[in-house]
Amino acid sequence: MKQVYKHGDKFYIILRKIPTWKFGIDQNPGNIELVKDYRDWCGADHVLRDQTHFMFCETIQDVEFEEIKIEEDDRETNTVVGV
């Protein structure tokens, strides 16, 4: 089962969690391109970072909906017939 992570007002599915040292970011900040390449390779659309890890994530999109009000006169009676 995938882990869901909340950051601010958005939710993300964590696809992969990799220690930052594996990308050598602390020694060479130019290696951030490796992080971007890995993000693209694993199918993530967003990268989050904590003190020890990069989290390669898929953004959970907000659902937009419109409430539909049904007037009393417009309701139909539905009958269920057993088979």
PDB file of N, CA and C in Angstrom:
ATOM      1  N   MET A   1       0.843  -1.164   0.000  1.00  0.00           N
ATOM      2  CA  MET A   1       0.000   0.000   0.000  1.00  0.00           C
ATOM      3  C   MET A   1       0.901   1.244   0.000  1.00  0.00           C
ATOM      4  N   LYS A   2       0.549   2.225  -0.795  1.00  0.00           N
ATOM      5  CA  LYS A   2       1.318   3.459  -0.914  1.00  0.00           C
ATOM      6  C   LYS A   2       1.010   4.392   0.255  1.00  0.00           C
ATOM      7  N   GLN A   3       2.024   5.156   0.660  1.00  0.00           N
ATOM      8  CA  GLN A   3       1.860   6.116   1.739  1.00  0.00           C
ATOM      9  C   GLN A   3       1.367   7.441   1.172  1.00  0.00           C
ATOM     10  N   VAL A   4       0.424   8.070   1.868  1.00  0.00           N
ATOM     11  CA  VAL A   4      -0.087   9.386   1.487  1.00  0.00           C
ATOM     12  C   VAL A   4       0.525  10.402   2.437  1.00  0.00           C
ATOM     13  N   TYR A   5       0.980  11.518   1.863  1.00  0.00           N
ATOM     14  CA  TYR A   5       1.671  12.554   2.634  1.00  0.00           C
ATOM     15  C   TYR A   5       0.988  13.889   2.382  1.00  0.00           C
ATOM     16  N   LYS A   6       0.704  14.627   3.458  1.00  0.00           N
ATOM     17  CA  LYS A   6       0.086  15.943   3.319  1.00  0.00           C
ATOM     18  C   LYS A   6       1.165  17.000   3.491  1.00  0.00           C
ATOM     19  N   HIS A   7       1.263  17.908   2.527  1.00  0.00           N
ATOM     20  CA  HIS A   7       2.213  19.008   2.586  1.00  0.00           C
ATOM     21  C   HIS A   7       1.444  20.286   2.270  1.00  0.00           C
ATOM     22  N   GLY A   8       1.299  21.142   3.274  1.00  0.00           N
ATOM     23  CA  GLY A   8       0.461  22.330   3.092  1.00  0.00           C
ATOM     24  C   GLY A   8      -0.984  21.907   2.944  1.00  0.00           C
ATOM     25  N   ASP A   9      -1.618  22.348   1.864  1.00  0.00           N
ATOM     26  CA  ASP A   9      -3.015  21.970   1.629  1.00  0.00           C
ATOM     27  C   ASP A   9      -3.144  20.941   0.517  1.00  0.00           C
ATOM     28  N   LYS A  10      -2.036  20.306   0.144  1.00  0.00           N
ATOM     29  CA  LYS A  10      -2.061  19.294  -0.922  1.00  0.00           C
ATOM     30  C   LYS A  10      -1.690  17.926  -0.363  1.00  0.00           C
ATOM     31  N   PHE A  11      -2.185  16.893  -1.058  1.00  0.00           N
ATOM     32  CA  PHE A  11      -1.877  15.519  -0.689  1.00  0.00           C
ATOM     33  C   PHE A  11      -1.087  14.861  -1.813  1.00  0.00           C
ATOM     34  N   TYR A  12      -0.155  13.987  -1.429  1.00  0.00           N
ATOM     35  CA  TYR A  12       0.713  13.315  -2.389  1.00  0.00           C
ATOM     36  C   TYR A  12       0.786  11.831  -2.060  1.00  0.00           C
ATOM     37  N   ILE A  13       0.922  11.014  -3.098  1.00  0.00           N
ATOM     38  CA  ILE A  13       1.216   9.598  -2.933  1.00  0.00           C
ATOM     39  C   ILE A  13       2.724   9.462  -3.083  1.00  0.00           C
ATOM     40  N   ILE A  14       3.386   8.900  -2.081  1.00  0.00           N
ATOM     41  CA  ILE A  14       4.834   8.727  -2.148  1.00  0.00           C
ATOM     42  C   ILE A  14       5.125   7.461  -2.955  1.00  0.00           C
ATOM     43  N   LEU A  15       5.773   7.657  -4.101  1.00  0.00           N
ATOM     44  CA  LEU A  15       6.131   6.535  -4.970  1.00  0.00           C
ATOM     45  C   LEU A  15       7.453   5.913  -4.548  1.00  0.00           C
ATOM     46  N   ARG A  16       8.418   6.750  -4.223  1.00  0.00           N
ATOM     47  CA  ARG A  16       9.745   6.307  -3.787  1.00  0.00           C
ATOM     48  C   ARG A  16      10.279   7.272  -2.748  1.00  0.00           C
ATOM     49  N   LYS A  17      11.082   6.765  -1.829  1.00  0.00           N
ATOM     50  CA  LYS A  17      11.728   7.588  -0.803  1.00  0.00           C
ATOM     51  C   LYS A  17      13.199   7.186  -0.787  1.00  0.00           C
ATOM     52  N   ILE A  18      14.075   8.123  -1.193  1.00  0.00           N
ATOM     53  CA  ILE A  18      15.489   7.827  -1.368  1.00  0.00           C
ATOM     54  C   ILE A  18      16.315   8.760  -0.481  1.00  0.00           C
ATOM     55  N   PRO A  19      17.313   8.228   0.259  1.00  0.00           N
ATOM     56  CA  PRO A  19      18.172   9.093   1.072  1.00  0.00           C
ATOM     57  C   PRO A  19      18.868  10.147   0.213  1.00  0.00           C
ATOM     58  N   THR A  20      18.972  11.366   0.734  1.00  0.00           N
ATOM     59  CA  THR A  20      19.579  12.461  -0.029  1.00  0.00           C
ATOM     60  C   THR A  20      21.042  12.195  -0.347  1.00  0.00           C
ATOM     61  N   TRP A  21      21.744  11.466   0.521  1.00  0.00           N
ATOM     62  CA  TRP A  21      23.170  11.232   0.286  1.00  0.00           C
ATOM     63  C   TRP A  21      23.415  10.442  -0.994  1.00  0.00           C
ATOM     64  N   LYS A  22      22.437   9.648  -1.431  1.00  0.00           N
ATOM     65  CA  LYS A  22      22.627   8.862  -2.659  1.00  0.00           C
ATOM     66  C   LYS A  22      22.742   9.742  -3.898  1.00  0.00           C
ATOM     67  N   PHE A  23      22.260  10.980  -3.820  1.00  0.00           N
ATOM     68  CA  PHE A  23      22.353  11.893  -4.954  1.00  0.00           C
ATOM     69  C   PHE A  23      23.532  12.850  -4.825  1.00  0.00           C
ATOM     70  N   GLY A  24      24.223  12.842  -3.681  1.00  0.00           N
ATOM     71  CA  GLY A  24      25.394  13.686  -3.484  1.00  0.00           C
ATOM     72  C   GLY A  24      25.100  15.173  -3.532  1.00  0.00           C
ATOM     73  N   ILE A  25      23.905  15.578  -3.144  1.00  0.00           N
ATOM     74  CA  ILE A  25      23.501  16.985  -3.219  1.00  0.00           C
ATOM     75  C   ILE A  25      24.343  17.859  -2.289  1.00  0.00           C
ATOM     76  N   ASP A  26      24.679  17.337  -1.107  1.00  0.00           N
ATOM     77  CA  ASP A  26      25.433  18.139  -0.140  1.00  0.00           C
ATOM     78  C   ASP A  26      26.839  18.466  -0.648  1.00  0.00           C
ATOM     79  N   GLN A  27      27.462  17.530  -1.375  1.00  0.00           N
ATOM     80  CA  GLN A  27      28.805  17.750  -1.901  1.00  0.00           C
ATOM     81  C   GLN A  27      28.786  18.546  -3.202  1.00  0.00           C
ATOM     82  N   ASN A  28      27.749  18.346  -4.013  1.00  0.00           N
ATOM     83  CA  ASN A  28      27.683  19.002  -5.317  1.00  0.00           C
ATOM     84  C   ASN A  28      26.236  19.396  -5.615  1.00  0.00           C
ATOM     85  N   PRO A  29      25.864  20.655  -5.311  1.00  0.00           N
ATOM     86  CA  PRO A  29      24.475  21.100  -5.552  1.00  0.00           C
ATOM     87  C   PRO A  29      24.039  20.964  -7.013  1.00  0.00           C
ATOM     88  N   GLY A  30      24.984  20.863  -7.945  1.00  0.00           N
ATOM     89  CA  GLY A  30      24.642  20.673  -9.349  1.00  0.00           C
ATOM     90  C   GLY A  30      24.003  19.322  -9.621  1.00  0.00           C
ATOM     91  N   ASN A  31      24.104  18.402  -8.670  1.00  0.00           N
ATOM     92  CA  ASN A  31      23.517  17.074  -8.848  1.00  0.00           C
ATOM     93  C   ASN A  31      21.992  17.088  -8.753  1.00  0.00           C
ATOM     94  N   ILE A  32      21.401  18.257  -8.558  1.00  0.00           N
ATOM     95  CA  ILE A  32      19.935  18.347  -8.507  1.00  0.00           C
ATOM     96  C   ILE A  32      19.338  17.863  -9.831  1.00  0.00           C
ATOM     97  N   GLU A  33      20.115  17.938 -10.901  1.00  0.00           N
ATOM     98  CA  GLU A  33      19.657  17.403 -12.197  1.00  0.00           C
ATOM     99  C   GLU A  33      19.436  15.899 -12.117  1.00  0.00           C
ATOM    100  N   LEU A  34      20.246  15.201 -11.302  1.00  0.00           N
ATOM    101  CA  LEU A  34      20.037  13.762 -11.099  1.00  0.00           C
ATOM    102  C   LEU A  34      18.693  13.499 -10.431  1.00  0.00           C
ATOM    103  N   VAL A  35      18.328  14.367  -9.489  1.00  0.00           N
ATOM    104  CA  VAL A  35      17.037  14.232  -8.810  1.00  0.00           C
ATOM    105  C   VAL A  35      15.904  14.416  -9.818  1.00  0.00           C
ATOM    106  N   LYS A  36      16.017  15.421 -10.675  1.00  0.00           N
ATOM    107  CA  LYS A  36      14.991  15.668 -11.696  1.00  0.00           C
ATOM    108  C   LYS A  36      14.885  14.496 -12.666  1.00  0.00           C
ATOM    109  N   ASP A  37      16.040  13.958 -13.083  1.00  0.00           N
ATOM    110  CA  ASP A  37      16.029  12.803 -13.993  1.00  0.00           C
ATOM    111  C   ASP A  37      15.375  11.589 -13.327  1.00  0.00           C
ATOM    112  N   TYR A  38      15.695  11.365 -12.049  1.00  0.00           N
ATOM    113  CA  TYR A  38      15.105  10.238 -11.330  1.00  0.00           C
ATOM    114  C   TYR A  38      13.595  10.435 -11.181  1.00  0.00           C
ATOM    115  N   ARG A  39      13.178  11.677 -10.896  1.00  0.00           N
ATOM    116  CA  ARG A  39      11.747  11.998 -10.793  1.00  0.00           C
ATOM    117  C   ARG A  39      11.025  11.605 -12.077  1.00  0.00           C
ATOM    118  N   ASP A  40      11.599  12.005 -13.207  1.00  0.00           N
ATOM    119  CA  ASP A  40      10.977  11.688 -14.496  1.00  0.00           C
ATOM    120  C   ASP A  40      10.982  10.188 -14.751  1.00  0.00           C
ATOM    121  N   TRP A  41      12.080   9.515 -14.391  1.00  0.00           N
ATOM    122  CA  TRP A  41      12.208   8.077 -14.641  1.00  0.00           C
ATOM    123  C   TRP A  41      11.183   7.268 -13.845  1.00  0.00           C
ATOM    124  N   CYS A  42      10.941   7.654 -12.579  1.00  0.00           N
ATOM    125  CA  CYS A  42      10.039   6.852 -11.744  1.00  0.00           C
ATOM    126  C   CYS A  42       8.574   7.265 -11.891  1.00  0.00           C
ATOM    127  N   GLY A  43       8.293   8.281 -12.726  1.00  0.00           N
ATOM    128  CA  GLY A  43       6.907   8.662 -12.998  1.00  0.00           C
ATOM    129  C   GLY A  43       6.311   9.619 -11.979  1.00  0.00           C
ATOM    130  N   ALA A  44       7.163  10.247 -11.173  1.00  0.00           N
ATOM    131  CA  ALA A  44       6.667  11.213 -10.190  1.00  0.00           C
ATOM    132  C   ALA A  44       6.436  12.557 -10.869  1.00  0.00           C
ATOM    133  N   ASP A  45       5.538  13.356 -10.292  1.00  0.00           N
ATOM    134  CA  ASP A  45       5.322  14.703 -10.829  1.00  0.00           C
ATOM    135  C   ASP A  45       5.736  15.784  -9.831  1.00  0.00           C
ATOM    136  N   HIS A  46       6.239  15.347  -8.652  1.00  0.00           N
ATOM    137  CA  HIS A  46       6.646  16.308  -7.629  1.00  0.00           C
ATOM    138  C   HIS A  46       7.674  15.641  -6.721  1.00  0.00           C
ATOM    139  N   VAL A  47       8.623  16.441  -6.202  1.00  0.00           N
ATOM    140  CA  VAL A  47       9.622  15.937  -5.266  1.00  0.00           C
ATOM    141  C   VAL A  47       9.564  16.769  -3.992  1.00  0.00           C
ATOM    142  N   LEU A  48       9.448  16.089  -2.872  1.00  0.00           N
ATOM    143  CA  LEU A  48       9.519  16.730  -1.563  1.00  0.00           C
ATOM    144  C   LEU A  48      10.802  16.272  -0.884  1.00  0.00           C
ATOM    145  N   ARG A  49      11.305  17.098   0.039  1.00  0.00           N
ATOM    146  CA  ARG A  49      12.541  16.754   0.727  1.00  0.00           C
ATOM    147  C   ARG A  49      12.374  17.012   2.220  1.00  0.00           C
ATOM    148  N   ASP A  50      12.803  16.039   3.023  1.00  0.00           N
ATOM    149  CA  ASP A  50      12.904  16.281   4.454  1.00  0.00           C
ATOM    150  C   ASP A  50      14.390  16.320   4.799  1.00  0.00           C
ATOM    151  N   GLN A  51      14.769  16.210   6.048  1.00  0.00           N
ATOM    152  CA  GLN A  51      16.165  16.341   6.423  1.00  0.00           C
ATOM    153  C   GLN A  51      17.046  15.220   5.879  1.00  0.00           C
ATOM    154  N   THR A  52      16.457  14.059   5.614  1.00  0.00           N
ATOM    155  CA  THR A  52      17.272  12.907   5.226  1.00  0.00           C
ATOM    156  C   THR A  52      16.896  12.272   3.894  1.00  0.00           C
ATOM    157  N   HIS A  53      15.732  12.591   3.336  1.00  0.00           N
ATOM    158  CA  HIS A  53      15.246  11.879   2.152  1.00  0.00           C
ATOM    159  C   HIS A  53      14.620  12.816   1.117  1.00  0.00           C
ATOM    160  N   PHE A  54      14.678  12.364  -0.132  1.00  0.00           N
ATOM    161  CA  PHE A  54      13.838  12.910  -1.191  1.00  0.00           C
ATOM    162  C   PHE A  54      12.641  11.989  -1.301  1.00  0.00           C
ATOM    163  N   MET A  55      11.464  12.576  -1.409  1.00  0.00           N
ATOM    164  CA  MET A  55      10.247  11.786  -1.594  1.00  0.00           C
ATOM    165  C   MET A  55       9.705  12.096  -2.988  1.00  0.00           C
ATOM    166  N   PHE A  56       9.692  11.099  -3.838  1.00  0.00           N
ATOM    167  CA  PHE A  56       9.215  11.241  -5.210  1.00  0.00           C
ATOM    168  C   PHE A  56       7.732  10.901  -5.198  1.00  0.00           C
ATOM    169  N   CYS A  57       6.920  11.892  -5.580  1.00  0.00           N
ATOM    170  CA  CYS A  57       5.478  11.820  -5.328  1.00  0.00           C
ATOM    171  C   CYS A  57       4.635  12.007  -6.582  1.00  0.00           C
ATOM    172  N   GLU A  58       3.413  11.512  -6.447  1.00  0.00           N
ATOM    173  CA  GLU A  58       2.358  11.780  -7.423  1.00  0.00           C
ATOM    174  C   GLU A  58       1.325  12.649  -6.716  1.00  0.00           C
ATOM    175  N   THR A  59       0.989  13.784  -7.300  1.00  0.00           N
ATOM    176  CA  THR A  59       0.035  14.712  -6.699  1.00  0.00           C
ATOM    177  C   THR A  59      -1.378  14.145  -6.799  1.00  0.00           C
ATOM    178  N   ILE A  60      -2.101  14.173  -5.692  1.00  0.00           N
ATOM    179  CA  ILE A  60      -3.510  13.780  -5.694  1.00  0.00           C
ATOM    180  C   ILE A  60      -4.305  15.024  -6.065  1.00  0.00           C
ATOM    181  N   GLN A  61      -4.976  14.968  -7.190  1.00  0.00           N
ATOM    182  CA  GLN A  61      -5.714  16.123  -7.702  1.00  0.00           C
ATOM    183  C   GLN A  61      -6.982  16.350  -6.897  1.00  0.00           C
ATOM    184  N   ASP A  62      -7.299  17.621  -6.654  1.00  0.00           N
ATOM    185  CA  ASP A  62      -8.556  17.970  -5.996  1.00  0.00           C
ATOM    186  C   ASP A  62      -9.711  17.659  -6.936  1.00  0.00           C
ATOM    187  N   VAL A  63     -10.786  17.181  -6.368  1.00  0.00           N
ATOM    188  CA  VAL A  63     -11.976  16.882  -7.157  1.00  0.00           C
ATOM    189  C   VAL A  63     -12.842  18.128  -7.203  1.00  0.00           C
ATOM    190  N   GLU A  64     -13.201  18.536  -8.403  1.00  0.00           N
ATOM    191  CA  GLU A  64     -14.122  19.652  -8.548  1.00  0.00           C
ATOM    192  C   GLU A  64     -15.506  19.080  -8.836  1.00  0.00           C
ATOM    193  N   PHE A  65     -16.480  19.572  -8.109  1.00  0.00           N
ATOM    194  CA  PHE A  65     -17.831  19.076  -8.314  1.00  0.00           C
ATOM    195  C   PHE A  65     -18.814  20.212  -8.150  1.00  0.00           C
ATOM    196  N   GLU A  66     -19.980  19.968  -8.669  1.00  0.00           N
ATOM    197  CA  GLU A  66     -21.062  20.928  -8.556  1.00  0.00           C
ATOM    198  C   GLU A  66     -22.232  20.198  -7.923  1.00  0.00           C
ATOM    199  N   GLU A  67     -22.764  20.765  -6.860  1.00  0.00           N
ATOM    200  CA  GLU A  67     -23.887  20.139  -6.186  1.00  0.00           C
ATOM    201  C   GLU A  67     -25.131  20.279  -7.046  1.00  0.00           C
ATOM    202  N   ILE A  68     -25.826  19.173  -7.225  1.00  0.00           N
ATOM    203  CA  ILE A  68     -27.057  19.171  -8.009  1.00  0.00           C
ATOM    204  C   ILE A  68     -28.224  19.052  -7.045  1.00  0.00           C
ATOM    205  N   LYS A  69     -29.113  20.013  -7.085  1.00  0.00           N
ATOM    206  CA  LYS A  69     -30.291  19.990  -6.214  1.00  0.00           C
ATOM    207  C   LYS A  69     -31.458  19.427  -7.004  1.00  0.00           C
ATOM    208  N   ILE A  70     -32.154  18.496  -6.390  1.00  0.00           N
ATOM    209  CA  ILE A  70     -33.311  17.876  -7.030  1.00  0.00           C
ATOM    210  C   ILE A  70     -34.564  18.454  -6.379  1.00  0.00           C
ATOM    211  N   GLU A  71     -35.408  19.028  -7.194  1.00  0.00           N
ATOM    212  CA  GLU A  71     -36.668  19.593  -6.714  1.00  0.00           C
ATOM    213  C   GLU A  71     -37.648  18.454  -6.447  1.00  0.00           C
ATOM    214  N   GLU A  72     -38.537  18.645  -5.515  1.00  0.00           N
ATOM    215  CA  GLU A  72     -39.542  17.638  -5.176  1.00  0.00           C
ATOM    216  C   GLU A  72     -40.357  17.218  -6.395  1.00  0.00           C
ATOM    217  N   ASP A  73     -40.716  18.153  -7.266  1.00  0.00           N
ATOM    218  CA  ASP A  73     -41.555  17.854  -8.422  1.00  0.00           C
ATOM    219  C   ASP A  73     -40.808  17.040  -9.474  1.00  0.00           C
ATOM    220  N   ASP A  74     -39.465  17.108  -9.487  1.00  0.00           N
ATOM    221  CA  ASP A  74     -38.680  16.437 -10.514  1.00  0.00           C
ATOM    222  C   ASP A  74     -38.304  15.001 -10.147  1.00  0.00           C
ATOM    223  N   ARG A  75     -38.551  14.582  -8.936  1.00  0.00           N
ATOM    224  CA  ARG A  75     -38.163  13.237  -8.506  1.00  0.00           C
ATOM    225  C   ARG A  75     -39.066  12.191  -9.127  1.00  0.00           C
ATOM    226  N   GLU A  76     -38.450  11.087  -9.504  1.00  0.00           N
ATOM    227  CA  GLU A  76     -39.226   9.960 -10.027  1.00  0.00           C
ATOM    228  C   GLU A  76     -39.122   8.826  -9.019  1.00  0.00           C
ATOM    229  N   THR A  77     -40.126   8.015  -8.974  1.00  0.00           N
ATOM    230  CA  THR A  77     -40.098   6.869  -8.070  1.00  0.00           C
ATOM    231  C   THR A  77     -39.402   5.723  -8.784  1.00  0.00           C
ATOM    232  N   ASN A  78     -38.357   5.204  -8.163  1.00  0.00           N
ATOM    233  CA  ASN A  78     -37.632   4.072  -8.731  1.00  0.00           C
ATOM    234  C   ASN A  78     -38.095   2.809  -8.016  1.00  0.00           C
ATOM    235  N   THR A  79     -38.446   1.797  -8.781  1.00  0.00           N
ATOM    236  CA  THR A  79     -38.887   0.537  -8.222  1.00  0.00           C
ATOM    237  C   THR A  79     -37.881  -0.538  -8.571  1.00  0.00           C
ATOM    238  N   VAL A  80     -37.471  -1.309  -7.583  1.00  0.00           N
ATOM    239  CA  VAL A  80     -36.524  -2.394  -7.812  1.00  0.00           C
ATOM    240  C   VAL A  80     -37.332  -3.675  -7.897  1.00  0.00           C
ATOM    241  N   VAL A  81     -37.108  -4.405  -8.966  1.00  0.00           N
ATOM    242  CA  VAL A  81     -37.828  -5.657  -9.175  1.00  0.00           C
ATOM    243  C   VAL A  81     -36.825  -6.790  -9.034  1.00  0.00           C
ATOM    244  N   GLY A  82     -37.142  -7.758  -8.201  1.00  0.00           N
ATOM    245  CA  GLY A  82     -36.261  -8.901  -7.999  1.00  0.00           C
ATOM    246  C   GLY A  82     -36.303  -9.832  -9.204  1.00  0.00           C
ATOM    247  N   VAL A  83     -35.194 -10.501  -9.436  1.00  0.00           N
ATOM    248  CA  VAL A  83     -35.114 -11.410 -10.583  1.00  0.00           C
ATOM    249  C   VAL A  83     -35.268 -12.826 -10.102  1.00  0.00           C
TER     250      VAL A  83
END
